Amino acid sequence: VQLQASGGGLVQAGGSLRLSCVASGNIPGAATMSWYRQAPGKQREFVASVTSGGITDYAASAEGRFTVSRHNALNALYLQMDSLKPEDTAVYYCRLRRSMTPVYNTWGQGTLVTVSS
């Protein structure tokens, strides 16, 4: 399974973007899909995740502003980002992780989000 992220771009502070991540094949069952981001000069950090059962989790910085969702039939993951701030500027990566056999730990190629002040 390969992941292709898209939807990044340049937006003004306070604006919105919707990121998408599409898997090349069927997303395996019991897999968690996540968004991470990496700002220039910083380590990659967790943003949000959603389990196969629809349980979501957010970083404190994303809580209340970002919404993660997935569409299993379309093999897709989304991140709706509202009230964007300049500090949200980063490359955003999607990740597919499954801890049970067969194990998956697949990353997408990243999509750049730039928020201007």
Protein backbone atom coordinates (compact mmCIF):
# COMPACT_ATOMS: atom_id res chain seq x y z
CA VAL A 1 0.00 0.00 0.00
CA GLN A 2 1.31 3.46 -0.92
CA LEU A 3 -0.05 6.76 0.34
CA GLN A 4 -0.45 9.95 -1.67
CA ALA A 5 -1.09 13.17 0.24
CA SER A 6 -2.47 16.31 -1.37
CA GLY A 7 -4.31 19.52 -0.62
CA GLY A 8 -1.52 21.67 0.77
CA GLY A 9 -1.01 25.24 -0.30
CA LEU A 10 -0.66 28.84 0.76
CA VAL A 11 -3.38 30.30 2.95
CA GLN A 12 -3.74 33.37 5.12
CA ALA A 13 -3.97 33.11 8.87
CA GLY A 14 -7.52 32.31 9.90
CA GLY A 15 -8.17 30.43 6.70
CA SER A 16 -8.90 26.77 6.04
CA LEU A 17 -7.45 23.89 4.09
CA ARG A 18 -8.47 20.29 3.61
CA LEU A 19 -5.77 17.70 3.20
CA SER A 20 -6.40 14.34 1.60
CA CYS A 21 -4.43 11.11 1.65
CA VAL A 22 -5.37 8.28 -0.66
CA ALA A 23 -4.06 4.75 -0.41
CA SER A 24 -3.11 2.91 -3.59
CA GLY A 25 -4.75 -0.26 -2.32
CA ASN A 26 -7.25 -1.34 0.25
CA ILE A 27 -6.52 -0.10 3.73
CA PRO A 28 -6.11 -3.18 5.90
CA GLY A 29 -8.47 -3.71 8.77
CA ALA A 30 -7.52 -2.62 12.29
CA ALA A 31 -5.21 0.07 10.92
CA THR A 32 -4.82 3.53 12.40
CA MET A 33 -4.33 6.39 10.01
CA SER A 34 -2.62 9.54 11.17
CA TRP A 35 -1.39 12.95 10.18
CA TYR A 36 2.00 14.24 11.23
CA ARG A 37 3.78 17.44 10.36
CA GLN A 38 7.32 18.72 10.23
CA ALA A 39 8.12 22.40 10.36
CA PRO A 40 11.46 23.72 9.09
CA GLY A 41 14.20 22.93 11.56
CA LYS A 42 11.92 20.90 13.81
CA GLN A 43 11.19 17.25 14.40
CA ARG A 44 8.19 15.56 12.91
CA GLU A 45 5.24 15.71 15.29
CA PHE A 46 1.90 14.02 15.66
CA VAL A 47 -1.17 16.00 14.60
CA ALA A 48 -4.18 13.70 14.58
CA SER A 49 -5.22 10.09 14.12
CA VAL A 50 -8.31 7.99 13.53
CA THR A 51 -8.66 4.27 14.16
CA SER A 52 -10.50 1.84 11.96
CA GLY A 53 -13.37 2.13 14.41
CA GLY A 54 -13.49 5.91 14.09
CA ILE A 55 -11.85 6.86 17.37
CA THR A 56 -9.96 10.10 16.94
CA ASP A 57 -7.06 11.64 18.78
CA TYR A 58 -5.52 15.09 18.44
CA ALA A 59 -2.42 16.91 19.48
CA ALA A 60 -3.17 19.80 21.80
CA SER A 61 -2.19 22.23 19.05
CA ALA A 62 -4.81 20.75 16.71
CA GLU A 63 -7.65 20.19 19.15
CA GLY A 64 -10.68 22.31 18.33
CA ARG A 65 -9.32 23.55 15.01
CA PHE A 66 -8.56 20.40 13.01
CA THR A 67 -10.85 17.49 12.20
CA VAL A 68 -9.52 14.12 11.07
CA SER A 69 -11.73 11.67 9.21
CA ARG A 70 -11.44 8.64 6.98
CA HIS A 71 -13.52 7.02 4.27
CA ASN A 72 -12.65 3.35 4.26
CA ALA A 73 -14.53 2.55 1.08
CA LEU A 74 -12.48 5.19 -0.76
CA ASN A 75 -9.24 4.24 1.05
CA ALA A 76 -8.89 7.86 2.05
CA LEU A 77 -7.89 9.96 5.02
CA TYR A 78 -8.70 13.64 5.46
CA LEU A 79 -7.66 16.52 7.65
CA GLN A 80 -9.89 19.58 7.75
CA MET A 81 -7.85 22.47 9.11
CA ASP A 82 -9.64 25.63 10.21
CA SER A 83 -8.47 28.80 11.94
CA LEU A 84 -4.99 28.22 10.62
CA LYS A 85 -2.07 29.97 12.25
CA PRO A 86 1.41 30.77 10.93
CA GLU A 87 2.80 28.16 13.32
CA ASP A 88 0.83 25.50 11.42
CA THR A 89 3.23 25.98 8.52
CA ALA A 90 4.84 22.60 7.85
CA VAL A 91 5.00 19.64 5.56
CA TYR A 92 2.11 17.36 6.47
CA TYR A 93 2.49 13.60 6.18
CA CYS A 94 -0.07 10.84 6.38
CA ARG A 95 0.73 7.52 7.96
CA LEU A 96 -0.82 4.08 7.96
CA ARG A 97 0.04 1.90 10.92
CA ARG A 98 -1.07 -1.58 11.80
CA SER A 99 0.56 -3.33 14.73
CA MET A 100 -0.76 -6.83 14.18
CA THR A 101 0.33 -9.19 11.43
CA PRO A 102 0.65 -8.18 8.68
CA VAL A 103 2.38 -5.14 10.13
CA TYR A 104 2.19 -1.82 8.29
CA ASN A 105 4.07 1.40 8.88
CA THR A 106 3.67 3.39 5.70
CA TRP A 107 4.23 7.10 5.17
CA GLY A 108 2.99 9.35 2.41
CA GLN A 109 5.29 11.78 0.63
CA GLY A 110 4.05 14.93 2.36
CA THR A 111 2.20 18.04 1.29
CA LEU A 112 3.33 21.58 2.16
CA VAL A 113 1.06 23.90 4.08
CA THR A 114 2.11 27.52 4.36
CA VAL A 115 0.13 29.95 6.50
CA SER A 116 0.93 33.62 6.05
CA SER A 117 0.37 36.20 8.76
